Protein backbone atom coordinates (compact mmCIF):
# COMPACT_ATOMS: atom_id res chain seq x y z
CA MET A 1 -43.37 18.05 -113.69
CA ASP A 2 -42.28 20.83 -116.01
CA LEU A 3 -39.10 22.84 -115.31
CA ASN A 4 -40.90 26.06 -114.45
CA GLN A 5 -43.00 24.21 -111.78
CA LYS A 6 -39.99 22.59 -110.30
CA MET A 7 -38.25 25.94 -109.94
CA LYS A 8 -41.27 27.44 -108.35
CA ASP A 9 -41.47 24.55 -105.80
CA MET A 10 -37.73 24.94 -105.01
CA GLU A 11 -38.08 28.59 -104.43
CA LEU A 12 -41.16 28.05 -102.22
CA GLN A 13 -39.31 25.52 -100.08
CA LYS A 14 -36.31 27.89 -99.68
CA PHE A 15 -38.77 30.62 -98.59
CA LEU A 16 -40.92 28.71 -96.08
CA ALA A 17 -38.36 28.08 -93.31
CA PRO A 18 -36.93 31.63 -93.15
CA ALA A 19 -40.53 33.07 -93.35
CA ALA A 20 -41.61 30.75 -90.50
CA LEU A 21 -38.56 31.92 -88.35
CA VAL A 22 -39.48 35.64 -88.91
CA ILE A 23 -43.15 35.03 -88.22
CA LEU A 24 -42.46 33.17 -85.04
CA TYR A 25 -40.06 35.82 -83.80
CA VAL A 26 -42.43 38.66 -84.44
CA PHE A 27 -45.36 36.66 -82.97
CA PHE A 28 -43.49 36.03 -79.69
CA GLY A 29 -42.21 39.60 -79.69
CA PHE A 30 -45.81 40.99 -79.65
CA PHE A 31 -47.40 38.39 -77.40
CA GLY A 32 -44.57 37.28 -75.10
CA ARG A 33 -43.07 39.20 -72.11
CA ASN A 34 -39.86 41.04 -72.86
CA PHE A 35 -39.12 38.85 -75.92
CA PHE A 36 -37.78 41.80 -77.98
CA SER A 37 -34.76 42.19 -75.65
CA TYR A 38 -31.03 41.71 -76.08
CA THR A 39 -31.02 39.22 -73.17
CA THR A 40 -33.59 37.00 -74.81
CA LEU A 41 -31.62 37.09 -78.09
CA VAL A 42 -28.47 35.99 -76.31
CA ASN A 43 -30.40 33.17 -74.55
CA ILE A 44 -31.76 32.00 -77.98
CA LEU A 45 -28.24 31.92 -79.32
CA ASP A 46 -26.86 30.13 -76.22
CA ALA A 47 -29.46 27.41 -76.67
CA SER A 48 -28.69 27.08 -80.35
CA TYR A 49 -24.91 26.34 -80.15
CA TYR A 50 -24.93 22.71 -79.13
CA ILE A 51 -28.09 21.76 -80.91
CA GLY A 52 -26.73 23.59 -84.01
CA PHE A 53 -23.56 21.59 -84.05
CA LEU A 54 -25.52 18.33 -83.54
CA ALA A 55 -27.90 19.26 -86.32
CA ILE A 56 -25.00 19.94 -88.79
CA GLY A 57 -23.62 16.45 -88.15
CA VAL A 58 -27.12 14.90 -88.38
CA THR A 59 -27.66 16.65 -91.76
CA PHE A 60 -24.68 14.79 -93.18
CA VAL A 61 -26.09 11.44 -91.98
CA ILE A 62 -29.66 12.04 -93.06
CA ILE A 63 -28.63 13.14 -96.55
CA THR A 64 -27.03 9.56 -96.94
CA GLY A 65 -30.45 8.18 -96.05
CA GLY A 66 -29.43 7.25 -92.50
CA ILE A 67 -30.17 8.49 -88.98
CA ASP A 68 -28.15 9.14 -85.84
CA LEU A 69 -30.10 8.79 -82.68
CA SER A 70 -26.98 8.77 -80.44
CA CYS A 71 -25.60 12.25 -81.17
CA GLY A 72 -27.17 13.84 -78.08
CA THR A 73 -26.03 11.23 -75.56
CA VAL A 74 -22.63 10.97 -77.34
CA MET A 75 -22.28 14.72 -76.86
CA MET A 76 -23.07 14.50 -73.11
CA CYS A 77 -20.91 11.41 -72.65
CA ALA A 78 -17.89 13.25 -74.21
CA ALA A 79 -18.54 16.31 -72.07
CA ILE A 80 -18.87 14.29 -68.79
CA VAL A 81 -15.80 12.22 -69.57
CA GLY A 82 -13.79 15.33 -70.39
CA GLY A 83 -15.04 17.00 -67.25
CA THR A 84 -14.10 14.01 -65.18
CA ALA A 85 -10.63 13.99 -66.73
CA TYR A 86 -10.19 17.55 -65.68
CA LYS A 87 -11.82 17.56 -62.27
CA THR A 88 -10.96 14.01 -60.99
CA TRP A 89 -7.88 12.94 -62.98
CA GLY A 90 -6.17 16.28 -62.82
CA TRP A 91 -5.76 16.76 -66.59
CA SER A 92 -5.19 20.26 -68.04
CA MET A 93 -8.19 22.09 -69.62
CA GLY A 94 -6.58 21.81 -73.16
CA ALA A 95 -6.03 18.06 -72.81
CA SER A 96 -9.50 17.57 -71.48
CA LEU A 97 -11.05 19.41 -74.48
CA ILE A 98 -8.94 17.23 -76.87
CA PHE A 99 -10.14 14.14 -74.98
CA ILE A 100 -13.81 15.35 -75.46
CA MET A 101 -13.23 15.48 -79.20
CA PHE A 102 -11.50 12.06 -79.18
CA VAL A 103 -14.39 10.39 -77.28
CA ALA A 104 -17.01 11.83 -79.67
CA ILE A 105 -15.13 10.96 -82.85
CA ALA A 106 -14.58 7.51 -81.52
CA PHE A 107 -18.29 7.01 -81.15
CA GLY A 108 -18.76 8.40 -84.71
CA PHE A 109 -16.34 5.78 -86.10
CA PHE A 110 -18.14 3.11 -84.03
CA ASN A 111 -21.50 4.14 -85.58
CA GLY A 112 -20.00 4.37 -89.10
CA ILE A 113 -18.39 0.88 -88.80
CA MET A 114 -21.64 -0.73 -87.63
CA VAL A 115 -23.75 0.91 -90.46
CA SER A 116 -21.28 0.78 -93.40
CA ARG A 117 -19.29 -2.34 -92.60
CA LEU A 118 -21.54 -4.59 -90.44
CA LYS A 119 -24.68 -3.56 -92.37
CA LEU A 120 -26.71 -2.81 -89.25
CA PRO A 121 -29.81 -0.61 -89.89
CA PRO A 122 -28.85 2.93 -88.81
CA PHE A 123 -31.83 3.19 -86.46
CA ILE A 124 -30.84 0.08 -84.53
CA ALA A 125 -27.06 0.79 -84.57
CA THR A 126 -27.34 4.36 -83.30
CA LEU A 127 -30.03 3.39 -80.79
CA GLY A 128 -27.61 0.94 -79.38
CA THR A 129 -24.77 3.61 -79.32
CA MET A 130 -27.20 5.93 -77.49
CA MET A 131 -27.51 3.44 -74.63
CA VAL A 132 -23.76 2.54 -74.68
CA SER A 133 -22.75 6.22 -74.54
CA MET A 134 -25.12 6.89 -71.62
CA GLY A 135 -23.60 3.93 -69.76
CA VAL A 136 -20.03 4.92 -70.52
CA GLY A 137 -20.70 8.39 -69.15
CA SER A 138 -22.22 7.15 -65.93
CA ILE A 139 -19.47 4.50 -65.41
CA VAL A 140 -16.53 6.85 -66.05
CA SER A 141 -18.02 9.59 -63.83
CA ASN A 142 -19.17 7.09 -61.20
CA VAL A 143 -22.64 8.58 -61.64
CA ARG A 144 -21.51 11.99 -60.48
CA SER A 145 -21.86 15.29 -62.32
CA ALA A 146 -18.78 16.89 -63.85
CA THR A 147 -18.09 20.55 -63.27
CA PHE A 148 -16.01 22.65 -65.63
CA PRO A 149 -14.18 25.73 -64.41
CA THR A 150 -15.99 28.97 -64.16
CA ARG A 151 -15.32 32.01 -66.26
CA ALA A 152 -13.42 33.65 -63.33
CA GLU A 153 -10.89 30.80 -63.18
CA ALA A 154 -7.79 30.65 -65.35
CA ASP A 155 -8.92 27.37 -66.96
CA GLY A 156 -12.21 28.93 -67.94
CA TRP A 157 -10.60 30.53 -70.95
CA PHE A 158 -12.53 28.28 -73.44
CA LYS A 159 -15.81 29.81 -72.38
CA ASN A 160 -14.86 33.02 -74.14
CA ILE A 161 -15.11 31.09 -77.48
CA PHE A 162 -18.86 31.11 -76.98
CA LYS A 163 -19.54 34.19 -74.78
CA ILE A 164 -17.61 37.21 -73.74
CA ILE A 165 -18.94 39.08 -70.70
CA THR A 166 -17.68 42.62 -70.39
CA GLU A 167 -16.94 44.50 -67.21
CA ASP A 168 -20.38 46.09 -67.29
CA ARG A 169 -21.96 42.58 -67.59
CA LEU A 170 -22.79 42.88 -71.26
CA SER A 171 -22.84 39.47 -72.93
CA ILE A 172 -21.46 39.17 -76.38
CA PRO A 173 -22.47 35.80 -78.07
CA MET A 174 -19.20 34.83 -79.71
CA GLY A 175 -20.58 31.36 -80.21
CA ALA A 176 -22.72 32.56 -83.09
CA ILE A 177 -19.52 33.33 -85.01
CA ALA A 178 -18.12 29.88 -84.20
CA LEU A 179 -21.34 28.10 -85.09
CA PHE A 180 -21.75 29.92 -88.44
CA GLY A 181 -18.02 29.42 -89.16
CA VAL A 182 -18.44 25.67 -88.76
CA ALA A 183 -21.71 25.91 -90.87
CA ILE A 184 -19.93 27.63 -93.72
CA ILE A 185 -17.15 25.06 -93.72
CA SER A 186 -19.77 22.27 -93.68
CA HIS A 187 -21.67 23.90 -96.51
CA VAL A 188 -18.51 24.11 -98.64
CA ILE A 189 -17.78 20.41 -97.90
CA LEU A 190 -21.28 19.37 -99.03
CA THR A 191 -21.45 21.51 -102.10
CA LYS A 192 -17.92 21.89 -103.35
CA THR A 193 -16.03 18.70 -102.52
CA LYS A 194 -15.94 15.08 -103.64
CA MET A 195 -17.08 14.02 -100.15
CA GLY A 196 -20.24 16.13 -100.47
CA ARG A 197 -21.00 14.85 -104.00
CA TYR A 198 -20.66 11.28 -102.87
CA ILE A 199 -22.79 11.83 -99.72
CA PHE A 200 -25.67 13.21 -101.88
CA ALA A 201 -25.14 10.30 -104.31
CA LEU A 202 -25.59 7.82 -101.52
CA GLY A 203 -28.82 9.35 -100.42
CA SER A 204 -30.21 9.58 -103.81
CA ASN A 205 -29.41 5.95 -104.88
CA LYS A 206 -26.87 3.96 -102.99
CA GLU A 207 -26.86 1.09 -105.44
CA ALA A 208 -26.37 3.47 -108.44
CA ALA A 209 -23.49 5.22 -106.60
CA ARG A 210 -21.83 1.78 -105.96
CA LEU A 211 -22.14 0.77 -109.59
CA SER A 212 -20.59 4.14 -110.61
CA GLY A 213 -17.45 3.32 -108.69
CA VAL A 214 -18.15 5.22 -105.43
CA ASN A 215 -16.70 3.65 -102.33
CA VAL A 216 -20.01 3.47 -100.49
CA LYS A 217 -18.59 2.06 -97.29
CA ARG A 218 -15.99 4.81 -96.89
CA TRP A 219 -18.22 7.73 -97.50
CA GLU A 220 -21.14 6.42 -95.56
CA MET A 221 -18.85 5.92 -92.51
CA MET A 222 -17.40 9.42 -92.99
CA ALA A 223 -20.94 10.91 -92.62
CA TYR A 224 -21.16 9.31 -89.14
CA VAL A 225 -17.60 10.47 -88.31
CA VAL A 226 -18.69 14.04 -89.13
CA SER A 227 -21.61 13.64 -86.86
CA GLY A 228 -19.20 12.50 -84.15
CA VAL A 229 -16.96 15.52 -84.76
CA MET A 230 -20.02 17.79 -84.40
CA SER A 231 -21.04 15.94 -81.22
CA GLY A 232 -17.56 16.95 -79.87
CA PHE A 233 -18.01 20.54 -80.75
CA GLY A 234 -21.46 20.46 -79.17
CA ALA A 235 -20.01 19.00 -76.00
CA ILE A 236 -17.56 21.77 -75.69
CA ALA A 237 -20.29 24.37 -76.38
CA PHE A 238 -22.56 22.81 -73.71
CA ALA A 239 -19.70 22.86 -71.14
CA ALA A 240 -18.94 26.47 -72.04
CA VAL A 241 -22.53 27.64 -71.59
CA PHE A 242 -23.86 25.51 -68.68
CA THR A 243 -20.62 24.56 -66.70
CA THR A 244 -22.19 21.50 -64.99
CA VAL A 245 -22.84 18.26 -66.84
CA MET A 246 -25.09 15.59 -65.35
CA PRO A 247 -24.75 11.83 -65.85
CA ALA A 248 -27.22 10.14 -68.34
CA GLN A 249 -28.13 13.62 -69.69
CA GLY A 250 -28.57 14.36 -73.38
CA GLN A 251 -31.42 12.06 -74.30
CA GLY A 252 -33.82 14.08 -76.42
CA PHE A 253 -31.23 16.44 -77.79
CA GLU A 254 -30.87 14.26 -80.82
CA LEU A 255 -34.61 14.84 -81.51
CA TYR A 256 -34.13 18.60 -81.47
CA ALA A 257 -31.22 18.18 -83.89
CA ILE A 258 -33.10 15.96 -86.27
CA ALA A 259 -36.18 18.23 -86.05
CA GLY A 260 -34.07 21.27 -86.98
CA ALA A 261 -32.57 19.50 -89.95
CA VAL A 262 -35.93 18.34 -91.13
CA ILE A 263 -37.58 21.75 -90.59
CA GLY A 264 -34.75 23.25 -92.58
CA GLY A 265 -35.55 21.10 -95.62
CA THR A 266 -33.39 17.96 -95.15
CA SER A 267 -35.34 15.02 -96.57
CA LEU A 268 -35.66 11.93 -94.30
CA SER A 269 -35.54 9.79 -97.48
CA GLY A 270 -32.03 11.05 -98.21
CA GLY A 271 -30.40 12.91 -101.07
CA VAL A 272 -31.74 16.40 -100.18
CA GLY A 273 -30.56 18.94 -97.54
CA THR A 274 -28.62 22.15 -96.99
CA ILE A 275 -26.53 23.30 -94.01
CA PHE A 276 -28.07 26.82 -93.98
CA GLY A 277 -31.55 25.38 -94.07
CA THR A 278 -30.63 23.24 -91.02
CA MET A 279 -29.44 26.48 -89.32
CA ILE A 280 -32.72 28.13 -89.90
CA GLY A 281 -34.51 24.99 -88.56
CA VAL A 282 -32.33 25.07 -85.37
CA PHE A 283 -33.14 28.74 -84.74
CA ILE A 284 -36.92 27.97 -85.22
CA MET A 285 -36.58 25.38 -82.51
CA SER A 286 -34.64 27.76 -80.32
CA VAL A 287 -37.18 30.54 -80.79
CA LEU A 288 -39.92 28.15 -79.85
CA ARG A 289 -38.10 27.05 -76.64
CA ALA A 290 -37.48 30.68 -75.67
CA GLY A 291 -40.85 32.12 -76.91
CA LEU A 292 -43.37 29.67 -75.31
CA PRO A 293 -42.10 30.36 -71.71
CA SER A 294 -42.44 34.06 -72.40
CA MET A 295 -46.12 33.39 -72.85
CA ASP A 296 -46.26 31.62 -69.47
CA LEU A 297 -46.59 28.24 -71.11
CA GLN A 298 -44.92 25.35 -69.14
CA SER A 299 -42.48 22.82 -70.49
CA HIS A 300 -45.10 20.22 -71.54
CA TYR A 301 -46.75 22.87 -73.79
CA GLN A 302 -43.30 23.49 -75.32
CA THR A 303 -42.96 19.79 -76.02
CA PHE A 304 -46.44 19.67 -77.55
CA PHE A 305 -45.94 22.59 -79.93
CA THR A 306 -42.47 21.39 -80.84
CA GLY A 307 -43.99 18.00 -81.80
CA LEU A 308 -46.54 19.75 -84.02
CA VAL A 309 -43.84 21.70 -85.77
CA VAL A 310 -41.86 18.49 -86.45
CA ILE A 311 -45.01 16.69 -87.80
CA GLY A 312 -45.65 19.67 -90.08
CA ALA A 313 -42.12 19.59 -91.36
CA VAL A 314 -42.30 15.86 -92.04
CA LEU A 315 -45.64 16.30 -93.87
CA LEU A 316 -44.04 18.99 -96.02
CA ASP A 317 -41.11 16.65 -96.76
CA ILE A 318 -43.52 13.91 -97.86
CA TYR A 319 -45.44 16.39 -99.99
CA ARG A 320 -42.10 17.49 -101.61
CA ASN A 321 -41.09 13.98 -102.32
CA ASP A 322 -44.45 13.08 -103.85
CA LYS A 323 -44.33 16.22 -106.06
CA ALA A 324 -40.82 15.25 -107.20
CA ALA A 325 -41.87 11.70 -108.10
CA GLU A 326 -45.05 12.86 -109.80
CA VAL A 327 -45.32 12.06 -113.48
CA ARG A 328 -47.29 14.82 -115.18
CA ILE A 329 -48.60 14.49 -118.77
CA LEU A 330 -48.50 17.86 -120.36
CA ALA A 331 -51.50 19.04 -122.31
CA PRO A 332 -50.98 20.81 -125.68
CA SER A 333 -51.69 24.09 -123.95
CA ASP A 334 -48.90 23.45 -121.34
CA ILE A 335 -46.47 22.53 -124.04
CA TYR A 336 -47.37 25.70 -125.99
CA LYS A 337 -46.97 27.78 -122.86
CA GLU A 338 -43.64 26.26 -122.00
CA ASN A 339 -42.19 26.67 -125.46
CA THR A 340 -43.45 30.24 -125.68
CA LEU A 341 -41.86 31.09 -122.28
CA ASN A 342 -38.60 29.77 -123.57
CA LYS A 343 -38.83 32.01 -126.63
CA ILE A 344 -39.74 35.04 -124.47
CA GLY A 345 -36.59 34.32 -122.33
CA ASP A 346 -34.41 34.15 -125.40
CA LEU A 347 -35.81 37.46 -126.68
CA LYS A 348 -35.15 39.11 -123.34
CA ALA A 349 -31.60 37.82 -123.33
CA GLU A 350 -31.13 39.38 -126.77
CA GLY A 351 -32.46 42.72 -125.56
CA LYS A 352 -35.66 42.49 -127.64
CA ASN A 353 -37.99 43.48 -124.78
CA GLU A 354 -40.79 44.91 -127.00
CA GLU A 355 -41.09 41.70 -129.03
CA ALA A 356 -40.98 39.68 -125.78
CA ARG A 357 -43.88 41.78 -124.38
CA LYS A 358 -45.97 41.35 -127.55
CA LEU A 359 -45.38 37.55 -127.56
CA LYS A 360 -46.30 37.31 -123.91
CA ALA A 361 -49.55 39.11 -124.54
CA GLU A 362 -50.31 36.74 -127.48
CA MET A 363 -49.42 33.77 -125.34
CA LYS A 364 -52.00 34.74 -122.72
CA VAL A 365 -54.78 34.90 -125.25
CA GLU A 366 -53.78 31.78 -127.07
CA PHE A 367 -53.21 29.79 -123.88
CA ALA A 368 -56.61 30.78 -122.54
CA ARG A 369 -58.29 29.67 -125.86
CA MET A 370 -56.49 26.39 -125.88
CA ARG A 371 -57.25 25.77 -122.21
CA LYS A 372 -60.95 26.41 -122.82
CA GLU A 373 -61.10 24.01 -125.75
CA GLU A 374 -59.32 21.29 -123.61
CA LYS A 375 -61.82 21.76 -120.80
CA GLU A 376 -64.73 21.49 -123.25
CA GLU A 377 -63.25 18.42 -124.83
CA LYS A 378 -62.73 16.86 -121.39
CA ALA A 379 -66.28 17.57 -120.35
CA ARG A 380 -67.58 16.07 -123.62
CA LEU A 381 -65.60 12.90 -123.10
CA LEU A 382 -66.80 12.65 -119.48
CA ALA A 383 -70.42 13.00 -120.66
CA GLU A 384 -69.94 10.30 -123.26
CA GLU A 385 -68.46 7.95 -120.65
CA LYS A 386 -71.38 8.61 -118.30
CA GLU A 387 -73.87 8.00 -121.10
CA ALA A 388 -72.19 4.75 -122.15
CA GLU A 389 -72.14 3.64 -118.46
CA ARG A 390 -75.89 4.42 -118.16
CA GLN A 391 -76.75 2.44 -121.29
CA PHE A 392 -74.58 -0.46 -120.09
CA LEU A 393 -76.47 -0.53 -116.74
CA GLN A 394 -79.87 -0.39 -118.53
CA GLU A 395 -79.02 -3.31 -120.83
CA SER A 396 -77.67 -5.40 -117.97
CA HIS A 397 -80.95 -4.98 -116.04
CA SER A 398 -83.24 -5.60 -119.00
C-alpha cells in the first residue's frame, strides 16, 4: 500500500467514530423524546464515568494483544468490599475509598502475574478472575448489598467529585472533568513514555520486543495493573453515582468497556489504539443506552443494537488489519503519480505554487493516458489467455 493511501485510511478511521457519535446524537435528538435536554446529557455522562474508566484500562491491555474480562466484576467487587468496610466494619470514608483502590489494584496484579509470569492465556486467566472477584464480593458482604452515604451526609463528600447539585437542583457533571483528566494522563503515558512505547511494541510483535531487550513480563503485567487501577476509579465513580452496590453485580460491564475501546479504533489483534478514540467509543455506547429508551425501545432492543454496533466495529477492525497487511504491486502509472505528487509537494514547500499547479494539470493528463494504456494491455493479455485456454480445450477433446 502506498503512503498516500495509508494516510487516507488513517484519516478515515479517525473520522468514522466521531462522525458516528454526532450522527447518533442528532438522530436520537430528532426521533427520541426529550433527548435534546440538559437532563439527558447529564444522564449520558453519568453512565459514561465507570464504563469510561474501565475502557481506558482495557485499552492498555488490548494494545498488548491481551484481554481483560474481569474488569467489570473487579470494579463491583472493590465497590462492595469498600462499602462493607464503611457500613459494617465502621471504617472512615477516606479509608474505605483507599481500600477500594487497593482491592482493584490487587486483582490487576493477580491478572498480570497469571498472564505474564504463569503464561496463562489472557482469556482464561481473566475469566477465572471474573468468577473469583464475584465470589469474593459475595463472601465479604455476606451476599448483602453495600450502601454508601448519601449526598446529604457528611461522608458523602466524594460524590461531589462526579456531580455537584446546586440549591436549585441543577446538576453539574464534574465527573466529565475527572474522566477526561484521567484520559489525558493515560494518553500521555501511552504516547510519550517508555511504558507506552513498550506496550505498543508488545502488541505489534511480542517476540521482536523481547529480542530488542524489552522486559516483556514487566510491561505486560503493568498493562493489567493499569486496568486494575482504572477498575478502582470506576468503582468509586459507580458508588458516587448510584450509592447502592449489589452482590455479584458487574458482569457485562466489561463487554461495554471492550466494545467502547474497539469502536474507538483499538485493534483486538494488538498494537493499535488511542485513548481519545476509546472515549469516543464509550460515549457512542452511552448515547445508544440513553437514546434507545427515548424511542420507547425496551432493554432487549438496546442489547440487540449494541451487539450490532460491536460486530460492525470488529468487522471494521478486520478490514483495517487486512488493508495494512495487503501487499500492493504498483503499476507504472501509480509510481508516476506518487513521484509527481512528491514533486508537487516540494514545489509548494518552496513557494512555487504556479509551477505546482501546472505540474498537477500535466500529471492528470499523463496519468489518464498511462492508465488507459495499462487497461488496454490488461484486456489484451486476458483475451490471449482465454484464447489459449479455448485452443487447449479443443485440442484435448479432439
